[in-house]
Amino acid sequence: MMMTDYDNFKESMKNKLTEYCRSLDIEHIGIAPAESYRDFEKIWRSQIAKGRISGFEEKDLAKRVFPELTLQGARSVIVCLFPYYSGPGENANISKSAFSIDYHLIVTEKLNSIGRFLESSINDFRYMAFVDNGPFSDRYLAWKAGLGFWGINNHIITDQYGSYVFIGYILNNYPFEPDAPQDRTCLRCFRCVRSCPGQCIMGDFTIDPQKCKSYITQKKGELTAEDIEILKKTGLIWGCDVCQDVCPHNKNVQTTPMEEFKKNLLPSIDIDELRQLSNREFRRKYGNRSFSWRGRDILIRNHAIIHKSKE
């Protein structure tokens, strides 16, 4: 079939998009279609029925399924991966995802840079950029865009960087040609299932987030006895890396090529210093860190619970 001028332009724009992303040190970029996500809807309805949701997700189910409800005229979703693994971190007491400056700030800046580039290249281009704050499942979109395969632990896994990747996406009104999902899964060795502190990994590529230690470290209000027991099982006062640490796909992964995730690293929070800071001082010093969003008191609480159990 002969390609039209429009087809050539579309192909050219996708190539230009890829080249521009690489200029931002973004190696992994894919396109997901902006269609009705009926396969996701089925899974998500089952999760809701079982009570296996965190409460942080978009409440309106329709918005999780139909892109048009978020951006009128939506035609595609640009999905980018941001590798963050910089090493295990010596004497770390927070998860690897929180070592650097807040990834929300880093990723949002890069996504908006891509958006502005496309605005200057495509007439009437409109977009919305999201990282952890969008209506859709970012891991589902990364899979749809062909950027990784599903792990039993519900992470998206890549050959190069394992599951140590952040995901950002740009919902937009341009019909970029979609990429194909990878037709494979993780090794299904079930090490993550056996090792999970909260036994939250169901073994069917879903989790119960309310039993996830990472979720519990961010939980406000009074913790249940079960929450406290889960919290005690590792020394991290923010987040949890167990299911990633034991995953064979994360063995010998490459470190991030992105400078933003290699500098200003803070693997451990000084809890004695934290106790001496006022809330205002805490926000001033740590406001650009992802662990800061719940405030200092949550971190102090988590530390007290974990270290009381070791006394």
Protein backbone atom coordinates (compact mmCIF):
# COMPACT_ATOMS: atom_id res chain seq x y z
CA MET A 1 0.00 0.00 0.00
CA MET A 2 1.40 3.38 -1.01
CA MET A 3 2.06 5.79 1.86
CA THR A 4 0.34 9.17 1.67
CA ASP A 5 1.97 12.47 2.56
CA TYR A 6 0.04 12.35 5.84
CA ASP A 7 1.37 8.86 6.61
CA ASN A 8 4.89 10.06 5.89
CA PHE A 9 4.38 13.05 8.17
CA LYS A 10 3.09 10.80 10.98
CA GLU A 11 6.09 8.50 10.66
CA SER A 12 8.44 11.47 10.52
CA MET A 13 6.86 12.97 13.66
CA LYS A 14 7.25 9.74 15.58
CA ASN A 15 10.92 9.62 14.61
CA LYS A 16 11.37 13.25 15.62
CA LEU A 17 9.64 12.53 18.93
CA THR A 18 12.01 9.64 19.60
CA GLU A 19 15.05 11.74 18.71
CA TYR A 20 13.91 14.59 20.95
CA CYS A 21 13.31 12.22 23.85
CA ARG A 22 16.81 10.82 23.44
CA SER A 23 18.17 14.36 23.65
CA LEU A 24 16.60 14.39 27.14
CA ASP A 25 18.30 11.04 27.99
CA ILE A 26 14.97 9.21 27.62
CA GLU A 27 15.85 5.90 25.97
CA HIS A 28 12.53 4.11 26.32
CA ILE A 29 9.51 5.71 24.69
CA GLY A 30 6.40 4.02 23.32
CA ILE A 31 2.92 4.87 22.14
CA ALA A 32 -0.27 3.49 23.64
CA PRO A 33 -3.57 4.01 21.84
CA ALA A 34 -6.10 6.38 23.39
CA GLU A 35 -8.91 3.85 23.18
CA SER A 36 -11.38 2.26 25.59
CA TYR A 37 -9.31 0.21 28.03
CA ARG A 38 -11.82 -2.58 28.48
CA ASP A 39 -9.26 -5.22 29.49
CA PHE A 40 -8.05 -2.94 32.28
CA GLU A 41 -11.64 -2.21 33.30
CA LYS A 42 -12.30 -5.90 33.90
CA ILE A 43 -9.25 -6.25 36.15
CA TRP A 44 -9.97 -3.02 38.01
CA ARG A 45 -13.60 -3.92 38.68
CA SER A 46 -12.37 -7.18 40.21
CA GLN A 47 -9.88 -5.28 42.40
CA ILE A 48 -12.63 -2.93 43.60
CA ALA A 49 -14.94 -5.85 44.40
CA LYS A 50 -12.19 -7.49 46.46
CA GLY A 51 -11.31 -4.25 48.25
CA ARG A 52 -7.79 -4.33 46.84
CA ILE A 53 -7.31 -0.65 46.09
CA SER A 54 -5.19 1.94 47.86
CA GLY A 55 -7.55 4.90 47.62
CA PHE A 56 -4.89 6.98 45.86
CA GLU A 57 -6.28 6.02 42.45
CA GLU A 58 -8.78 7.98 40.36
CA LYS A 59 -12.19 7.42 41.95
CA ASP A 60 -14.20 7.71 38.73
CA LEU A 61 -13.93 4.33 37.02
CA ALA A 62 -15.00 5.74 33.67
CA LYS A 63 -12.05 8.14 33.65
CA ARG A 64 -9.69 5.19 34.10
CA VAL A 65 -11.16 3.51 31.02
CA PHE A 66 -12.06 6.26 28.55
CA PRO A 67 -9.27 8.78 27.68
CA GLU A 68 -11.76 11.08 25.97
CA LEU A 69 -13.16 12.01 29.39
CA THR A 70 -9.80 13.52 30.38
CA LEU A 71 -8.79 15.12 27.08
CA GLN A 72 -11.40 15.74 24.41
CA GLY A 73 -10.11 14.50 21.08
CA ALA A 74 -7.47 12.26 22.65
CA ARG A 75 -5.80 10.07 20.00
CA SER A 76 -2.70 8.57 21.61
CA VAL A 77 -0.60 8.37 24.77
CA ILE A 78 3.16 8.94 24.74
CA VAL A 79 4.68 6.80 27.49
CA CYS A 80 8.25 7.26 28.75
CA LEU A 81 10.35 5.26 31.19
CA PHE A 82 12.81 6.91 33.56
CA PRO A 83 15.36 4.45 35.04
CA TYR A 84 16.39 5.41 38.57
CA TYR A 85 18.61 2.62 39.89
CA SER A 86 21.85 4.21 41.16
CA GLY A 87 23.06 1.34 43.34
CA PRO A 88 21.86 -0.33 46.54
CA GLY A 89 22.59 2.66 48.77
CA GLU A 90 24.79 2.26 51.83
CA ASN A 91 22.86 1.98 55.13
CA ALA A 92 19.68 3.09 53.37
CA ASN A 93 16.53 3.61 55.44
CA ILE A 94 14.33 4.75 52.54
CA SER A 95 13.50 3.01 49.26
CA LYS A 96 15.68 3.46 46.19
CA SER A 97 12.92 5.38 44.44
CA ALA A 98 13.32 8.18 47.00
CA PHE A 99 17.13 8.57 46.94
CA SER A 100 17.13 11.43 44.43
CA ILE A 101 15.31 14.73 44.16
CA ASP A 102 11.57 14.03 43.88
CA TYR A 103 11.04 12.13 40.64
CA HIS A 104 7.69 13.85 40.15
CA LEU A 105 9.57 17.13 39.65
CA ILE A 106 12.18 15.59 37.34
CA VAL A 107 9.75 13.63 35.18
CA THR A 108 7.14 16.40 34.95
CA GLU A 109 9.76 18.84 33.67
CA LYS A 110 10.86 16.41 30.96
CA LEU A 111 7.32 15.53 29.90
CA ASN A 112 6.40 19.20 29.57
CA SER A 113 9.55 19.77 27.54
CA ILE A 114 8.34 17.04 25.15
CA GLY A 115 4.89 18.63 25.08
CA ARG A 116 6.29 22.05 24.19
CA PHE A 117 8.44 20.50 21.46
CA LEU A 118 5.39 18.87 19.90
CA GLU A 119 3.35 22.08 20.22
CA SER A 120 5.98 23.78 18.08
CA SER A 121 5.94 20.95 15.52
CA ILE A 122 2.26 20.00 15.16
CA ASN A 123 -0.60 22.39 14.47
CA ASP A 124 -3.22 22.57 17.22
CA PHE A 125 -1.37 20.01 19.33
CA ARG A 126 -2.90 19.61 22.80
CA TYR A 127 -1.62 17.47 25.65
CA MET A 128 -1.78 16.66 29.35
CA ALA A 129 1.26 15.24 31.17
CA PHE A 130 1.06 12.94 34.18
CA VAL A 131 3.38 11.19 36.60
CA ASP A 132 1.58 9.32 39.40
CA ASN A 133 -1.24 11.86 39.27
CA GLY A 134 -3.17 10.81 36.19
CA PRO A 135 -6.43 8.92 35.88
CA PHE A 136 -4.92 5.84 34.22
CA SER A 137 -2.74 3.00 35.44
CA ASP A 138 0.74 4.06 34.36
CA ARG A 139 2.00 0.45 34.41
CA TYR A 140 -0.86 -0.64 32.17
CA LEU A 141 -0.05 2.15 29.72
CA ALA A 142 3.66 1.23 29.74
CA TRP A 143 2.68 -2.34 28.89
CA LYS A 144 0.29 -1.19 26.15
CA ALA A 145 3.11 0.93 24.71
CA GLY A 146 5.41 -2.09 24.50
CA LEU A 147 7.92 -0.77 27.02
CA GLY A 148 8.02 -3.74 29.39
CA PHE A 149 6.38 -6.94 30.54
CA TRP A 150 4.32 -7.73 33.62
CA GLY A 151 5.85 -9.09 36.78
CA ILE A 152 3.96 -11.20 39.29
CA ASN A 153 4.69 -8.33 41.72
CA ASN A 154 2.60 -6.04 39.48
CA HIS A 155 5.66 -4.08 38.36
CA ILE A 156 6.51 -3.41 34.74
CA ILE A 157 9.89 -4.99 34.01
CA THR A 158 12.46 -4.06 31.36
CA ASP A 159 15.43 -6.08 30.15
CA GLN A 160 17.88 -3.23 30.67
CA TYR A 161 16.78 -1.72 33.97
CA GLY A 162 14.57 -4.38 35.50
CA SER A 163 11.65 -2.83 37.36
CA TYR A 164 13.62 0.19 38.59
CA VAL A 165 11.82 2.64 36.32
CA PHE A 166 9.46 5.54 36.84
CA ILE A 167 6.68 5.96 34.29
CA GLY A 168 5.38 9.21 32.86
CA TYR A 169 2.85 9.69 30.11
CA ILE A 170 1.44 12.37 27.83
CA LEU A 171 -2.19 12.10 26.75
CA ASN A 172 -2.51 14.02 23.50
CA ASN A 173 -4.66 14.68 20.44
CA TYR A 174 -2.20 13.47 17.76
CA PRO A 175 -2.61 9.97 16.25
CA PHE A 176 0.88 8.62 16.79
CA GLU A 177 1.11 5.01 15.58
CA PRO A 178 0.70 2.69 18.62
CA ASP A 179 3.37 0.18 19.57
CA ALA A 180 2.62 -3.47 20.33
CA PRO A 181 2.63 -4.90 23.87
CA GLN A 182 5.26 -7.53 24.66
CA ASP A 183 3.83 -11.04 24.63
CA ARG A 184 5.62 -12.37 27.72
CA THR A 185 5.72 -12.11 31.49
CA CYS A 186 8.32 -12.41 34.24
CA LEU A 187 9.87 -15.79 35.13
CA ARG A 188 7.14 -16.36 37.72
CA CYS A 189 9.63 -17.75 40.24
CA PHE A 190 7.37 -16.41 43.04
CA ARG A 191 10.33 -15.16 45.11
CA CYS A 192 8.52 -11.83 45.48
CA VAL A 193 5.38 -13.60 46.69
CA ARG A 194 7.29 -15.51 49.36
CA SER A 195 9.41 -12.53 50.45
CA CYS A 196 6.83 -9.74 50.60
CA PRO A 197 6.59 -8.36 54.18
CA GLY A 198 2.81 -7.95 53.93
CA GLN A 199 2.12 -10.94 51.69
CA CYS A 200 0.34 -8.50 49.41
CA ILE A 201 1.34 -10.13 46.10
CA MET A 202 -1.55 -12.32 44.99
CA GLY A 203 0.33 -14.43 42.43
CA ASP A 204 -1.97 -13.48 39.55
CA PHE A 205 -0.20 -10.23 38.56
CA THR A 206 -2.27 -8.20 41.04
CA ILE A 207 -1.57 -7.03 44.58
CA ASP A 208 -3.49 -5.97 47.66
CA PRO A 209 -1.98 -2.48 48.13
CA GLN A 210 -3.34 -2.11 51.65
CA LYS A 211 -0.97 -4.87 52.78
CA CYS A 212 2.02 -3.40 50.92
CA LYS A 213 4.67 -2.05 53.28
CA SER A 214 5.33 0.89 50.95
CA TYR A 215 1.67 1.90 51.23
CA ILE A 216 1.71 1.49 55.02
CA THR A 217 4.77 3.75 55.38
CA GLN A 218 2.68 6.49 53.72
CA LYS A 219 -0.53 5.78 55.61
CA LYS A 220 -1.93 8.52 57.82
CA GLY A 221 -4.02 7.97 60.91
CA GLU A 222 -3.90 5.08 63.33
CA LEU A 223 -2.21 1.92 62.10
CA THR A 224 -3.76 -1.50 62.68
CA ALA A 225 -1.92 -4.24 64.55
CA GLU A 226 -1.36 -5.94 61.18
CA ASP A 227 0.06 -2.71 59.70
CA ILE A 228 2.50 -2.43 62.58
CA GLU A 229 3.71 -6.02 62.21
CA ILE A 230 4.27 -5.50 58.48
CA LEU A 231 6.12 -2.24 59.12
CA LYS A 232 8.51 -3.97 61.51
CA LYS A 233 9.70 -6.53 58.98
CA THR A 234 12.31 -4.35 57.25
CA GLY A 235 14.32 -1.31 58.31
CA LEU A 236 13.02 1.13 55.70
CA ILE A 237 11.02 3.97 57.20
CA TRP A 238 9.75 5.04 53.76
CA GLY A 239 8.79 2.71 50.94
CA CYS A 240 9.77 -0.91 50.43
CA ASP A 241 12.15 -2.59 47.99
CA VAL A 242 11.81 -6.26 48.95
CA CYS A 243 9.90 -7.52 45.90
CA GLN A 244 12.37 -5.73 43.63
CA ASP A 245 15.47 -6.75 45.57
CA VAL A 246 14.67 -10.47 45.30
CA CYS A 247 13.55 -10.35 41.65
CA PRO A 248 15.93 -12.20 39.29
CA HIS A 249 15.09 -9.69 36.55
CA ASN A 250 16.76 -7.01 38.70
CA LYS A 251 20.02 -8.91 39.07
CA ASN A 252 22.92 -7.07 37.41
CA VAL A 253 20.68 -4.34 35.99
CA GLN A 254 22.31 -1.26 34.53
CA THR A 255 22.45 1.92 36.56
CA THR A 256 20.50 4.89 35.33
CA PRO A 257 21.99 6.98 32.51
CA MET A 258 20.02 10.00 33.72
CA GLU A 259 22.12 12.50 35.66
CA GLU A 260 19.12 13.68 37.67
CA PHE A 261 18.90 10.26 39.36
CA LYS A 262 22.64 10.01 40.03
CA LYS A 263 23.23 13.24 41.96
CA ASN A 264 21.96 14.76 45.22
CA LEU A 265 21.38 11.23 46.53
CA LEU A 266 20.09 10.77 50.05
CA PRO A 267 19.74 7.04 50.88
CA SER A 268 19.18 7.63 54.57
CA ILE A 269 17.27 10.16 56.65
CA ASP A 270 18.89 11.28 59.91
CA ILE A 271 16.05 10.67 62.33
CA ASP A 272 17.69 12.62 65.19
CA GLU A 273 17.91 15.67 62.96
CA LEU A 274 14.34 15.11 61.83
CA ARG A 275 13.06 15.25 65.42
CA GLN A 276 14.72 18.64 65.91
CA LEU A 277 13.20 20.23 62.80
CA SER A 278 9.94 22.14 62.88
CA ASN A 279 7.41 21.29 60.16
CA ARG A 280 8.36 24.49 58.35
CA GLU A 281 12.08 23.67 58.55
CA PHE A 282 11.35 20.14 57.33
CA ARG A 283 9.46 21.45 54.29
CA ARG A 284 12.22 23.97 53.56
CA LYS A 285 14.96 21.34 53.67
CA TYR A 286 13.18 18.30 52.23
CA GLY A 287 10.29 19.75 50.24
CA ASN A 288 11.89 18.65 46.97
CA ARG A 289 12.10 15.00 48.11
CA SER A 290 9.37 12.47 47.38
CA PHE A 291 9.24 11.31 51.02
CA SER A 292 8.29 14.80 52.18
CA TRP A 293 4.70 14.83 50.98
CA ARG A 294 3.33 13.09 54.09
CA GLY A 295 5.35 15.25 56.49
CA ARG A 296 7.96 14.57 59.15
CA ASP A 297 5.62 13.02 61.73
CA ILE A 298 4.89 9.97 59.56
CA LEU A 299 8.62 9.29 59.14
CA ILE A 300 9.23 9.67 62.89
CA ARG A 301 6.31 7.34 63.62
CA ASN A 302 7.61 4.68 61.23
CA HIS A 303 11.11 4.88 62.70
CA ALA A 304 9.77 4.55 66.23
CA ILE A 305 7.74 1.44 65.36
CA ILE A 306 10.57 -0.27 63.50
CA HIS A 307 13.28 0.45 66.06
CA LYS A 308 11.11 -0.29 69.07
CA SER A 309 10.75 -3.81 67.69
CA LYS A 310 14.54 -4.19 67.67
CA GLU A 311 15.07 -3.09 71.25
